[in-house]
Protein backbone atom coordinates (compact mmCIF):
# COMPACT_ATOMS: atom_id res chain seq x y z
CA UNK A 1 24.18 -14.81 136.74
CA UNK A 2 23.84 -11.52 138.32
CA UNK A 3 23.32 -8.03 137.09
CA UNK A 4 26.99 -7.45 137.20
CA UNK A 5 27.63 -10.36 134.82
CA UNK A 6 24.94 -9.14 132.45
CA UNK A 7 26.42 -5.63 132.41
CA UNK A 8 29.86 -7.07 131.73
CA UNK A 9 28.46 -9.18 128.87
CA UNK A 10 26.72 -6.15 127.43
CA UNK A 11 29.91 -4.10 127.72
CA UNK A 12 31.88 -6.86 126.01
CA UNK A 13 29.27 -7.08 123.23
CA UNK A 14 29.32 -3.30 122.80
CA UNK A 15 33.14 -3.33 122.61
CA UNK A 16 33.04 -6.13 120.03
CA UNK A 17 30.44 -4.25 117.99
CA UNK A 18 32.54 -1.08 118.14
CA UNK A 19 35.67 -3.02 117.13
CA UNK A 20 33.82 -4.66 114.23
CA UNK A 21 32.39 -1.31 113.08
CA UNK A 22 35.82 0.28 113.28
CA UNK A 23 37.40 -2.60 111.35
CA UNK A 24 34.65 -2.45 108.72
CA UNK A 25 35.11 1.28 108.47
CA UNK A 26 38.90 0.90 108.23
CA UNK A 27 38.55 -1.78 105.58
CA UNK A 28 36.12 0.28 103.54
CA UNK A 29 38.34 3.38 103.82
CA UNK A 30 41.34 1.26 102.81
CA UNK A 31 39.39 -0.21 99.89
CA UNK A 32 38.27 3.26 98.84
CA UNK A 33 41.83 4.52 98.91
CA UNK A 34 43.03 1.53 96.90
CA UNK A 35 40.26 2.09 94.36
CA UNK A 36 41.09 5.80 94.07
CA UNK A 37 44.78 4.95 93.72
CA UNK A 38 43.93 2.48 90.94
CA UNK A 39 41.85 5.11 89.11
CA UNK A 40 44.61 7.71 89.40
CA UNK A 41 47.21 5.19 88.25
CA UNK A 42 45.01 4.36 85.22
CA UNK A 43 44.60 8.08 84.40
CA UNK A 44 48.36 8.55 84.69
CA UNK A 45 49.12 5.60 82.40
CA UNK A 46 46.63 6.80 79.79
CA UNK A 47 48.02 10.33 79.90
CA UNK A 48 51.58 9.00 79.65
CA UNK A 49 50.65 6.81 76.66
CA UNK A 50 48.92 9.74 74.97
CA UNK A 51 51.99 11.91 75.50
CA UNK A 52 54.28 9.21 74.08
CA UNK A 53 52.05 8.95 70.99
CA UNK A 54 52.17 12.74 70.63
CA UNK A 55 55.98 12.72 70.82
CA UNK A 56 56.24 9.95 68.21
CA UNK A 57 53.79 11.72 65.87
CA UNK A 58 55.54 15.10 66.10
CA UNK A 59 58.96 13.48 65.64
CA UNK A 60 57.71 11.67 62.54
CA UNK A 61 56.18 14.88 61.15
CA UNK A 62 59.42 16.77 61.82
CA UNK A 63 61.48 14.09 60.05
CA UNK A 64 59.16 14.19 57.04
CA UNK A 65 59.41 17.98 56.99
CA UNK A 66 63.21 17.83 56.99
CA UNK A 67 63.19 15.22 54.23
CA UNK A 68 60.96 17.30 51.97
CA UNK A 69 61.91 20.81 53.14
CA UNK A 70 63.86 21.48 49.97
CA UNK A 71 61.29 19.88 47.69
CA UNK A 72 60.17 23.17 46.13
CA UNK A 73 63.74 24.26 45.45
CA UNK A 74 64.71 20.89 44.00
CA UNK A 75 61.58 20.80 41.82
CA UNK A 76 62.44 24.22 40.45
CA UNK A 77 65.95 22.96 39.57
CA UNK A 78 64.72 19.91 37.61
CA UNK A 79 64.22 21.90 34.37
CA UNK A 80 67.88 22.98 34.65
CA UNK A 81 68.86 19.30 34.83
CA UNK A 82 66.71 18.65 31.74
CA UNK A 83 68.45 21.52 29.93
CA UNK A 84 71.86 20.01 30.75
CA UNK A 85 70.72 16.67 29.31
CA UNK A 86 69.48 18.36 26.11
CA UNK A 87 72.72 20.39 25.84
CA UNK A 88 74.85 17.26 26.18
CA UNK A 89 72.74 15.50 23.56
CA UNK A 90 73.16 18.36 21.08
CA UNK A 91 76.85 19.01 21.81
CA UNK A 92 77.61 15.30 21.34
CA UNK A 93 76.51 15.68 17.70
CA UNK A 94 79.32 18.17 17.08
CA UNK A 95 83.04 17.58 17.09
CA UNK A 96 83.73 19.87 20.06
CA UNK A 97 84.73 17.22 22.59
CA UNK A 98 86.26 19.71 25.07
CA UNK A 99 82.96 21.59 25.25
CA UNK A 100 81.10 18.31 25.75
CA UNK A 101 83.50 17.30 28.54
CA UNK A 102 83.06 20.67 30.28
CA UNK A 103 79.27 20.55 30.15
CA UNK A 104 79.28 16.92 31.36
CA UNK A 105 81.48 17.88 34.33
CA UNK A 106 79.12 20.70 35.32
CA UNK A 107 76.06 18.47 34.87
CA UNK A 108 77.60 15.65 36.93
CA UNK A 109 78.49 18.03 39.76
CA UNK A 110 74.99 19.50 39.69
CA UNK A 111 73.43 16.03 39.65
CA UNK A 112 75.61 14.75 42.51
CA UNK A 113 74.67 17.81 44.61
CA UNK A 114 70.97 17.11 44.07
CA UNK A 115 71.52 13.40 44.77
CA UNK A 116 73.19 14.27 48.08
CA UNK A 117 69.98 16.10 49.03
CA UNK A 118 67.96 12.91 48.45
CA UNK A 119 66.98 13.22 44.79
CA UNK A 120 66.83 9.96 42.84
CA UNK A 121 66.13 9.44 39.17
CA UNK A 122 63.32 7.02 38.35
CA UNK A 123 64.69 4.46 35.91
CA UNK A 124 62.56 4.12 32.77
CA UNK A 125 63.68 2.35 29.61
CA UNK A 126 62.17 2.09 26.17
CA UNK A 127 60.28 -1.19 26.05
CA UNK A 128 59.22 -1.13 29.72
CA UNK A 129 55.58 -1.95 30.38
CA UNK A 130 53.51 1.21 30.85
CA UNK A 131 51.96 1.65 34.30
CA UNK A 132 49.64 4.57 35.02
CA UNK A 133 50.76 4.45 38.67
CA UNK A 134 54.42 4.97 37.78
CA UNK A 135 54.39 6.92 34.50
CA UNK A 136 52.64 9.90 32.93
CA UNK A 137 51.61 9.19 29.35
CA UNK A 138 51.87 12.25 27.13
CA UNK A 139 50.52 10.61 24.00
CA UNK A 140 50.14 7.32 22.16
CA UNK A 141 51.60 6.54 18.79
CA UNK A 142 51.39 3.46 16.60
CA UNK A 143 53.98 1.01 17.92
CA UNK A 144 57.01 0.68 15.61
CA UNK A 145 56.90 -3.07 16.25
CA UNK A 146 54.41 -5.50 17.74
CA UNK A 147 56.52 -6.10 20.84
CA UNK A 148 56.17 -2.39 21.84
CA UNK A 149 52.36 -2.38 21.92
CA UNK A 150 51.23 -1.18 25.37
CA UNK A 151 54.82 -0.41 26.25
CA UNK A 152 56.94 2.71 26.46
CA UNK A 153 58.15 3.86 23.06
CA UNK A 154 59.98 7.05 24.14
CA UNK A 155 60.84 8.95 27.32
CA UNK A 156 60.18 12.68 27.02
CA UNK A 157 61.11 13.76 30.56
CA UNK A 158 62.84 11.83 33.31
CA UNK A 159 61.04 11.29 36.59
CA UNK A 160 62.48 11.92 40.04
CA UNK A 161 61.87 10.89 43.64
CA UNK A 162 62.82 12.79 46.77
CA UNK A 163 63.22 10.15 49.44
CA UNK A 164 60.21 7.86 49.04
CA UNK A 165 57.98 10.52 47.46
CA UNK A 166 57.70 10.94 43.68
CA UNK A 167 58.08 14.65 42.90
CA UNK A 168 57.87 14.27 39.11
CA UNK A 169 56.58 11.26 37.21
CA UNK A 170 58.43 10.27 34.04
CA UNK A 171 56.66 11.58 30.94
CA UNK A 172 56.49 8.91 28.28
CA UNK A 173 55.02 8.07 24.91
CA UNK A 174 53.30 4.70 24.66
CA UNK A 175 52.67 2.49 21.69
CA UNK A 176 49.33 1.02 20.60
């Protein structure tokens, strides 16, 4: 083996070393780019998910606002509904049936208008079991019979819901 062969071997070894270094460098640059791409993709997905949650939350809040936007107005009209009920009760004691029919027509139209806006009456009957979660007890009186103890004896004011939200609990008298 001569000097020429040794020089050629050294040149070949140097070329191989350079090729290996270049490949290692290319692989590491490629890996770095893939890693950066993965991080950016993760950031994008998180940001997108956060934005979707924001959209859902604001849409839900907007829907709730529309459902209860007229709550104050409807609550202020509930005493008028109560007055209609009292008027019908008193007029029914007289013999003026035309007056009763007229007041009932006005009350029914008023009630149907409020119902179309989402107002629902909470059904409460005398003899129902009293529940502090569903009723507002005004007072307690001795029960007229044993079967009315702890139950509703009288309904003073009707309760109403607007959508799923109770805007006025029924006011009742309970027996003890």
